[in-house]
Amino acid sequence: MNAPVRALAMVRDLFFRSKLDAIATQVGAEVAYVSTLEAAAGRITELAPSLVVVDLNDANFPADKTIAAIRASSPEVRVIGFASHVDLKALRGAREAGFTQTLSRSEFTENLPDLLRG
């Protein structure tokens, strides 16, 4: 059996955080949160997550600056960005910036159990 996934979520939406927490509990994963880009580097170093998820619709986490901050702390960590399915600019920008994967919010939610299982 694999060790539980440790994830860092760059998500400020409290409703969505509760959804993430519920799914993490179901699959035995650990999720920590940051609300600012400045806090991300320290938490990544502290937690050594295997997964970082980023709410691309949050103006606090612009794709290019966010991926640069993440990669400076953990060059190999898997980084998944999610955004509204209509926000093609955010999804495309994250892919171009170097995110490992980008998903619409509904795809992200649907795949979250598997993502948190590793």
Protein backbone atom coordinates (compact mmCIF):
# COMPACT_ATOMS: atom_id res chain seq x y z
CA MET A 1 0.00 0.00 0.00
CA ASN A 2 1.28 3.47 -0.90
CA ALA A 3 1.99 6.09 1.72
CA PRO A 4 -0.75 8.71 1.98
CA VAL A 5 -0.45 11.61 -0.41
CA ARG A 6 0.58 14.86 1.20
CA ALA A 7 -0.80 17.79 -0.78
CA LEU A 8 -0.50 21.54 -0.55
CA ALA A 9 -3.56 23.39 -1.81
CA MET A 10 -3.30 26.97 -2.94
CA VAL A 11 -7.02 27.47 -2.48
CA ARG A 12 -8.74 30.27 -0.55
CA ASP A 13 -12.36 29.36 -1.31
CA LEU A 14 -13.65 27.99 2.01
CA PHE A 15 -16.46 25.99 0.40
CA PHE A 16 -14.02 24.28 -1.94
CA ARG A 17 -11.58 23.69 0.93
CA SER A 18 -14.26 21.78 2.81
CA LYS A 19 -14.85 19.64 -0.30
CA LEU A 20 -11.11 18.94 -0.57
CA ASP A 21 -10.92 18.05 3.13
CA ALA A 22 -13.85 15.64 2.88
CA ILE A 23 -12.36 13.78 -0.07
CA ALA A 24 -8.88 13.75 1.52
CA THR A 25 -10.34 12.20 4.65
CA GLN A 26 -12.11 9.53 2.58
CA VAL A 27 -8.91 8.47 0.81
CA GLY A 28 -6.49 8.95 3.71
CA ALA A 29 -4.59 11.90 2.24
CA GLU A 30 -3.27 14.96 4.03
CA VAL A 31 -4.00 18.46 2.69
CA ALA A 32 -2.49 21.71 3.95
CA TYR A 33 -3.47 25.14 2.67
CA VAL A 34 -1.85 28.45 1.88
CA SER A 35 -3.70 31.65 1.10
CA THR A 36 -0.83 33.65 -0.35
CA LEU A 37 1.90 33.01 -2.87
CA GLU A 38 4.44 34.27 -0.33
CA ALA A 39 3.49 31.50 2.10
CA ALA A 40 3.78 28.74 -0.50
CA ALA A 41 7.56 28.37 -0.65
CA GLY A 42 7.94 27.93 3.09
CA ARG A 43 5.11 25.42 3.32
CA ILE A 44 6.47 23.42 0.38
CA THR A 45 9.87 23.22 2.06
CA GLU A 46 8.27 22.32 5.39
CA LEU A 47 5.79 19.71 4.11
CA ALA A 48 7.59 18.22 1.09
CA PRO A 49 4.22 17.54 -0.60
CA SER A 50 3.92 15.09 -3.47
CA LEU A 51 1.18 17.23 -5.01
CA VAL A 52 0.42 20.95 -5.18
CA VAL A 53 -3.00 22.08 -6.40
CA VAL A 54 -3.68 25.64 -7.47
CA ASP A 55 -6.95 27.50 -7.94
CA LEU A 56 -6.18 29.34 -11.19
CA ASN A 57 -9.26 31.52 -10.85
CA ASP A 58 -7.79 33.15 -7.75
CA ALA A 59 -5.92 36.35 -8.65
CA ASN A 60 -3.53 35.68 -5.74
CA PHE A 61 -2.03 32.79 -7.72
CA PRO A 62 -1.03 33.97 -11.21
CA ALA A 63 0.20 30.94 -13.14
CA ASP A 64 3.67 32.18 -14.09
CA LYS A 65 4.62 33.51 -10.64
CA THR A 66 3.01 30.57 -8.88
CA ILE A 67 4.85 27.90 -10.84
CA ALA A 68 8.14 29.81 -10.43
CA ALA A 69 7.68 29.91 -6.64
CA ILE A 70 6.75 26.23 -6.49
CA ARG A 71 9.61 25.07 -8.72
CA ALA A 72 12.13 27.14 -6.73
CA SER A 73 11.19 25.13 -3.64
CA SER A 74 10.48 21.75 -5.22
CA PRO A 75 11.52 21.27 -8.86
CA GLU A 76 9.92 17.83 -9.24
CA VAL A 77 6.60 18.15 -7.39
CA ARG A 78 3.44 17.45 -9.39
CA VAL A 79 1.50 20.72 -9.86
CA ILE A 80 -2.13 20.64 -10.92
CA GLY A 81 -4.05 23.80 -11.70
CA PHE A 82 -7.81 24.00 -11.98
CA ALA A 83 -10.15 26.72 -13.20
CA SER A 84 -13.65 27.26 -14.46
CA HIS A 85 -14.23 25.39 -17.72
CA VAL A 86 -14.95 28.71 -19.42
CA ASP A 87 -11.64 30.26 -18.32
CA LEU A 88 -9.60 28.87 -21.19
CA LYS A 89 -7.05 31.68 -20.84
CA ALA A 90 -6.18 30.63 -17.27
CA LEU A 91 -5.97 26.95 -18.19
CA ARG A 92 -3.83 27.63 -21.28
CA GLY A 93 -1.61 30.05 -19.36
CA ALA A 94 -0.93 27.47 -16.67
CA ARG A 95 -0.04 24.80 -19.23
CA GLU A 96 2.31 27.22 -20.96
CA ALA A 97 3.85 28.25 -17.63
CA GLY A 98 4.75 24.64 -16.87
CA PHE A 99 2.02 23.18 -14.67
CA THR A 100 2.09 19.37 -14.73
CA GLN A 101 -1.63 19.21 -15.51
CA THR A 102 -4.59 21.57 -15.85
CA LEU A 103 -8.21 20.62 -15.37
CA SER A 104 -11.57 22.31 -15.36
CA ARG A 105 -12.96 22.67 -11.84
CA SER A 106 -15.50 19.89 -12.48
CA GLU A 107 -12.81 17.54 -13.89
CA PHE A 108 -10.61 18.32 -10.92
CA THR A 109 -13.40 17.54 -8.46
CA GLU A 110 -14.30 14.34 -10.30
CA ASN A 111 -10.67 13.14 -10.37
CA LEU A 112 -9.72 14.37 -6.89
CA PRO A 113 -10.06 11.00 -5.13
CA ASP A 114 -7.61 9.43 -7.59
CA LEU A 115 -5.26 12.42 -7.45
CA LEU A 116 -5.14 12.22 -3.68
CA ARG A 117 -4.51 8.48 -3.75
CA GLY A 118 -1.40 9.10 -5.83
